[in-house]
Protein backbone atom coordinates (compact mmCIF):
# COMPACT_ATOMS: atom_id res chain seq x y z
CA UNK A 1 -168.32 81.62 19.31
CA UNK A 2 -171.08 81.43 22.23
CA UNK A 3 -172.64 83.35 24.83
CA UNK A 4 -171.85 82.08 28.65
CA UNK A 5 -173.93 83.08 30.39
CA UNK A 6 -177.08 83.34 27.72
CA UNK A 7 -176.24 79.57 27.32
CA UNK A 8 -176.77 78.54 31.10
CA UNK A 9 -180.34 80.18 31.31
CA UNK A 10 -182.93 78.73 33.11
CA UNK A 11 -186.53 79.14 32.74
CA UNK A 12 -189.46 78.84 35.17
CA UNK A 13 -191.86 76.05 34.77
CA UNK A 14 -195.01 77.47 35.44
CA UNK A 15 -197.25 76.78 38.41
CA UNK A 16 -193.98 74.92 39.53
CA UNK A 17 -192.22 77.29 41.69
CA UNK A 18 -188.96 74.40 42.61
CA UNK A 19 -188.41 73.57 38.56
CA UNK A 20 -187.20 74.99 35.80
CA UNK A 21 -186.24 74.07 32.36
CA UNK A 22 -182.52 74.47 30.24
CA UNK A 23 -181.44 74.01 27.16
CA UNK A 24 -177.66 72.40 26.85
CA UNK A 25 -176.11 73.63 23.94
CA UNK A 26 -173.12 72.26 21.33
CA UNK A 27 -171.19 75.26 22.28
CA UNK A 28 -170.23 74.00 25.35
CA UNK A 29 -169.55 70.25 23.77
CA UNK A 30 -165.80 68.17 24.98
CA UNK A 31 -166.82 64.21 25.59
CA UNK A 32 -170.44 65.38 25.75
CA UNK A 33 -172.21 68.47 27.47
CA UNK A 34 -169.29 69.86 30.08
CA UNK A 35 -169.54 69.04 33.18
CA UNK A 36 -168.37 72.97 34.60
CA UNK A 37 -171.13 74.20 31.85
CA UNK A 38 -173.77 71.68 33.22
CA UNK A 39 -172.68 72.68 37.02
CA UNK A 40 -173.32 76.13 36.70
CA UNK A 41 -176.64 75.43 34.94
CA UNK A 42 -177.41 73.51 38.25
CA UNK A 43 -175.46 76.48 40.31
CA UNK A 44 -177.69 78.93 38.39
CA UNK A 45 -180.97 77.39 39.33
CA UNK A 46 -179.62 77.22 43.48
CA UNK A 47 -179.24 81.24 43.21
CA UNK A 48 -182.24 82.12 41.65
CA UNK A 49 -184.72 79.76 44.08
CA UNK A 50 -182.50 80.94 47.31
CA UNK A 51 -183.58 82.66 49.55
CA UNK A 52 -180.29 84.32 50.15
CA UNK A 53 -178.10 86.54 47.81
CA UNK A 54 -175.03 85.11 48.40
CA UNK A 55 -173.21 81.68 46.86
CA UNK A 56 -170.73 80.48 49.60
CA UNK A 57 -169.86 76.78 47.92
CA UNK A 58 -170.96 74.70 45.91
CA UNK A 59 -170.61 70.54 45.30
CA UNK A 60 -172.03 68.20 42.66
CA UNK A 61 -172.10 64.43 41.37
CA UNK A 62 -172.10 64.07 37.92
CA UNK A 63 -174.27 60.93 37.02
CA UNK A 64 -174.11 60.76 33.66
CA UNK A 65 -172.55 62.57 30.38
CA UNK A 66 -176.36 63.69 29.06
CA UNK A 67 -177.30 65.04 26.00
CA UNK A 68 -177.66 68.57 23.92
CA UNK A 69 -180.87 69.34 24.02
CA UNK A 70 -183.91 69.83 27.09
CA UNK A 71 -182.91 68.80 30.66
CA UNK A 72 -185.50 69.33 33.71
CA UNK A 73 -184.40 70.80 37.16
CA UNK A 74 -186.01 70.53 40.70
CA UNK A 75 -184.33 72.58 43.28
CA UNK A 76 -185.43 71.82 47.28
CA UNK A 77 -184.07 73.87 50.60
CA UNK A 78 -183.17 71.63 52.47
CA UNK A 79 -181.86 73.52 56.23
CA UNK A 80 -180.42 76.82 57.27
CA UNK A 81 -181.15 79.69 59.22
CA UNK A 82 -181.18 83.28 59.74
CA UNK A 83 -177.87 83.57 57.84
CA UNK A 84 -177.49 80.74 55.30
CA UNK A 85 -179.35 78.50 53.14
CA UNK A 86 -178.54 75.29 52.32
CA UNK A 87 -179.86 73.52 48.66
CA UNK A 88 -180.41 70.76 47.27
CA UNK A 89 -180.54 70.59 42.81
CA UNK A 90 -181.06 67.98 40.39
CA UNK A 91 -180.87 67.60 37.04
CA UNK A 92 -182.82 65.31 35.11
CA UNK A 93 -182.90 65.27 30.93
CA UNK A 94 -185.86 62.58 29.63
CA UNK A 95 -186.21 61.02 33.33
CA UNK A 96 -182.73 60.23 33.24
CA UNK A 97 -179.75 61.55 36.39
CA UNK A 98 -177.80 63.89 35.37
CA UNK A 99 -176.30 65.54 37.88
CA UNK A 100 -176.91 66.24 41.68
CA UNK A 101 -175.97 69.61 43.48
CA UNK A 102 -175.57 70.53 47.26
CA UNK A 103 -175.66 74.29 47.30
CA UNK A 104 -174.85 76.86 50.30
CA UNK A 105 -176.12 80.22 50.18
CA UNK A 106 -175.16 83.43 52.49
CA UNK A 107 -176.65 86.77 53.54
CA UNK A 108 -174.94 89.87 52.29
CA UNK A 109 -173.11 91.86 55.14
CA UNK A 110 -172.12 89.49 57.29
CA UNK A 111 -168.99 89.83 60.16
CA UNK A 112 -166.60 87.24 61.16
CA UNK A 113 -162.77 86.98 61.08
CA UNK A 114 -160.80 88.92 58.48
CA UNK A 115 -157.54 87.49 57.05
CA UNK A 116 -155.85 86.79 53.59
CA UNK A 117 -152.48 84.70 53.71
CA UNK A 118 -152.97 83.10 50.35
CA UNK A 119 -149.80 84.09 48.08
CA UNK A 120 -150.56 83.77 44.35
CA UNK A 121 -147.65 82.09 42.32
CA UNK A 122 -145.39 83.98 40.69
CA UNK A 123 -145.89 83.91 37.27
CA UNK A 124 -146.45 85.76 33.78
CA UNK A 125 -149.00 87.65 32.92
CA UNK A 126 -151.74 86.86 30.25
CA UNK A 127 -150.47 89.46 28.00
CA UNK A 128 -146.91 87.89 27.57
CA UNK A 129 -148.02 84.88 26.71
CA UNK A 130 -149.69 82.83 23.83
CA UNK A 131 -152.91 81.14 23.54
CA UNK A 132 -153.44 77.72 22.61
CA UNK A 133 -154.94 79.23 19.31
CA UNK A 134 -151.68 80.39 18.55
CA UNK A 135 -149.81 76.95 19.83
CA UNK A 136 -150.99 74.56 18.53
CA UNK A 137 -151.31 73.38 14.98
CA UNK A 138 -154.31 71.34 15.19
CA UNK A 139 -156.56 73.80 17.20
CA UNK A 140 -159.07 73.79 14.86
CA UNK A 141 -159.72 70.44 15.50
CA UNK A 142 -159.95 70.95 19.41
CA UNK A 143 -163.55 70.42 21.45
CA UNK A 144 -166.08 72.92 20.00
CA UNK A 145 -165.89 74.34 23.70
CA UNK A 146 -162.47 76.05 22.65
CA UNK A 147 -164.69 78.28 20.25
CA UNK A 148 -165.80 80.51 23.13
CA UNK A 149 -163.06 80.40 25.27
CA UNK A 150 -159.38 81.59 25.05
CA UNK A 151 -156.75 79.61 27.43
CA UNK A 152 -153.06 81.04 27.53
CA UNK A 153 -150.94 78.34 29.26
CA UNK A 154 -148.04 79.10 31.34
CA UNK A 155 -146.21 75.95 29.38
CA UNK A 156 -146.87 74.53 26.25
CA UNK A 157 -145.98 70.67 25.48
CA UNK A 158 -143.05 69.99 28.33
CA UNK A 159 -141.92 66.54 29.15
CA UNK A 160 -143.59 64.70 31.36
CA UNK A 161 -143.12 66.03 34.92
CA UNK A 162 -145.17 67.74 37.90
CA UNK A 163 -148.59 66.59 37.32
CA UNK A 164 -149.79 70.05 37.58
CA UNK A 165 -151.80 73.20 35.14
CA UNK A 166 -151.85 76.83 35.62
CA UNK A 167 -153.27 78.42 32.04
CA UNK A 168 -154.71 82.35 31.90
CA UNK A 169 -158.64 81.67 31.09
CA UNK A 170 -160.86 84.07 29.64
CA UNK A 171 -164.42 84.19 27.53
CA UNK A 172 -164.14 85.59 24.07
CA UNK A 173 -167.76 86.07 23.12
CA UNK A 174 -168.87 86.82 27.48
CA UNK A 175 -169.95 89.49 29.29
CA UNK A 176 -169.90 88.93 33.25
CA UNK A 177 -171.80 91.74 34.40
CA UNK A 178 -172.42 91.17 38.38
CA UNK A 179 -171.95 88.84 40.62
CA UNK A 180 -173.94 85.63 40.65
CA UNK A 181 -172.86 85.84 36.51
CA UNK A 182 -169.08 85.95 38.28
CA UNK A 183 -169.96 82.60 40.19
CA UNK A 184 -170.89 80.83 37.06
CA UNK A 185 -167.55 81.68 35.87
CA UNK A 186 -165.74 80.57 38.32
CA UNK A 187 -167.30 77.48 38.78
CA UNK A 188 -166.60 76.96 35.47
CA UNK A 189 -163.08 77.51 34.68
CA UNK A 190 -162.32 74.95 38.61
CA UNK A 191 -163.58 71.87 36.65
CA UNK A 192 -160.76 72.50 33.77
CA UNK A 193 -157.30 72.03 35.62
CA UNK A 194 -158.11 68.11 36.84
CA UNK A 195 -157.68 66.55 33.41
CA UNK A 196 -155.05 68.94 32.30
CA UNK A 197 -152.95 68.71 35.49
CA UNK A 198 -153.03 64.85 35.23
CA UNK A 199 -151.64 64.12 31.80
CA UNK A 200 -149.13 66.62 32.34
CA UNK A 201 -147.38 64.30 34.26
CA UNK A 202 -147.76 61.35 31.57
CA UNK A 203 -146.72 61.26 27.14
CA UNK A 204 -149.47 61.64 24.90
CA UNK A 205 -151.15 59.52 23.52
CA UNK A 206 -153.31 59.14 27.01
CA UNK A 207 -154.15 55.69 27.40
CA UNK A 208 -156.79 56.59 29.81
CA UNK A 209 -159.20 59.48 29.90
CA UNK A 210 -160.38 60.85 33.40
CA UNK A 211 -163.85 62.03 33.45
CA UNK A 212 -165.59 64.04 36.80
CA UNK A 213 -167.14 62.34 39.24
CA UNK A 214 -167.60 65.22 41.43
CA UNK A 215 -166.86 69.34 41.23
CA UNK A 216 -166.47 71.13 44.38
CA UNK A 217 -166.04 74.90 44.32
CA UNK A 218 -165.51 77.71 47.55
CA UNK A 219 -166.08 80.58 46.62
CA UNK A 220 -164.08 83.50 48.21
CA UNK A 221 -164.78 87.32 46.46
CA UNK A 222 -166.04 88.04 43.41
CA UNK A 223 -164.34 90.30 40.27
CA UNK A 224 -167.00 90.03 37.31
CA UNK A 225 -165.08 93.16 35.70
CA UNK A 226 -161.96 91.74 35.45
CA UNK A 227 -161.51 89.76 31.95
CA UNK A 228 -158.83 87.04 33.30
CA UNK A 229 -158.68 84.10 35.61
CA UNK A 230 -154.91 81.72 36.79
CA UNK A 231 -156.72 78.66 36.70
CA UNK A 232 -153.95 76.76 39.07
CA UNK A 233 -154.45 72.91 39.68
CA UNK A 234 -152.32 69.87 40.61
CA UNK A 235 -153.37 66.41 40.73
CA UNK A 236 -150.94 65.11 43.82
CA UNK A 237 -152.03 61.34 43.61
CA UNK A 238 -152.87 59.12 40.87
CA UNK A 239 -153.57 55.27 42.42
CA UNK A 240 -156.47 52.51 41.90
CA UNK A 241 -157.93 54.25 38.80
CA UNK A 242 -158.70 57.38 40.70
CA UNK A 243 -157.07 61.00 40.66
CA UNK A 244 -157.93 64.26 43.11
CA UNK A 245 -156.73 67.21 41.84
CA UNK A 246 -156.94 70.87 44.00
CA UNK A 247 -157.61 73.85 41.96
CA UNK A 248 -157.38 78.07 42.73
CA UNK A 249 -158.52 80.70 40.95
CA UNK A 250 -156.29 84.53 40.98
CA UNK A 251 -157.14 87.72 39.77
CA UNK A 252 -153.98 89.35 37.82
CA UNK A 253 -153.15 91.17 40.59
CA UNK A 254 -152.70 88.10 42.59
CA UNK A 255 -156.03 87.97 44.62
CA UNK A 256 -157.50 84.31 45.27
CA UNK A 257 -161.30 84.14 43.93
CA UNK A 258 -161.97 80.58 44.56
CA UNK A 259 -160.77 77.31 45.54
CA UNK A 260 -161.61 74.04 44.37
CA UNK A 261 -161.41 70.30 44.19
CA UNK A 262 -162.34 67.52 42.10
CA UNK A 263 -162.35 63.44 41.31
CA UNK A 264 -161.57 61.72 38.28
CA UNK A 265 -162.32 58.16 37.23
CA UNK A 266 -160.54 56.18 34.90
CA UNK A 267 -161.92 55.31 31.63
CA UNK A 268 -159.81 53.11 28.62
CA UNK A 269 -159.01 55.72 25.64
CA UNK A 270 -161.61 54.42 22.82
CA UNK A 271 -158.85 56.18 20.51
CA UNK A 272 -155.28 55.02 22.06
CA UNK A 273 -154.46 52.97 18.96
CA UNK A 274 -155.00 55.69 16.20
CA UNK A 275 -153.53 58.02 18.90
CA UNK A 276 -150.57 55.50 18.94
CA UNK A 277 -149.98 55.08 15.77
CA UNK A 278 -149.91 59.07 15.01
CA UNK A 279 -147.73 59.81 17.79
CA UNK A 280 -145.17 56.93 16.56
CA UNK A 281 -145.49 58.81 12.75
CA UNK A 282 -144.70 61.86 13.73
CA UNK A 283 -141.99 60.54 16.03
CA UNK A 284 -143.71 62.11 18.87
CA UNK A 285 -143.02 58.60 21.20
CA UNK A 286 -140.71 55.28 21.81
CA UNK A 287 -143.64 53.40 23.09
């Protein structure tokens, strides 16, 4: 098991105040380094560089998957005022761009309108559900990232239906001590619903994979001492090789903590034919 906060750690570059380095850990592998993991490193660099203290929003473009090893990070303040600062973050690996991001940081103690009309979905809590490690016979073959997180889904392997995914998520070996650590966690969880919501509408095996083009997060409140968050996403439209997902994160007591969006682009699944043969042998498909 791995510590997410430790594995998103950044280091200063001597003599270059706007530059940092990080090490991409294979503990957070999916097809390559997980997108939410890479985004969290960018957000951490922006929080380190900013003169403001509270993350408000994050938007990034994923440019290349990258490899597990060192990356270089450049951060620049590009505008703002007394209450807010906009920053640009670029992550490269051996001069190859992996990610570019925009981050808004704001000051503490702001005053303005105050309301909360968010209504959490009426679902069972995590203690009433079983985790993927119990549900999936082949869980030991899942990507390495699942060794360091736990998910407890609201539904499991139901027939194709609405493209929605809801699962309670937590780290297995990572403490969340403060607001900035919670922002990294929230961004990471917002990366999960896009793919999982999309495939809820289709029968396995899946002819396409759907890597992220981008990921957006709006941080509403922070709950560093809460263990579980409900990741709640829906991908209402797939067309022209693209899928868009809207996601929300909820606490166990029904508070909305963050909202996000992601856009995904189709590419052929290179293992589709062999997975189709497995599905036929198991009687899981009529194709």
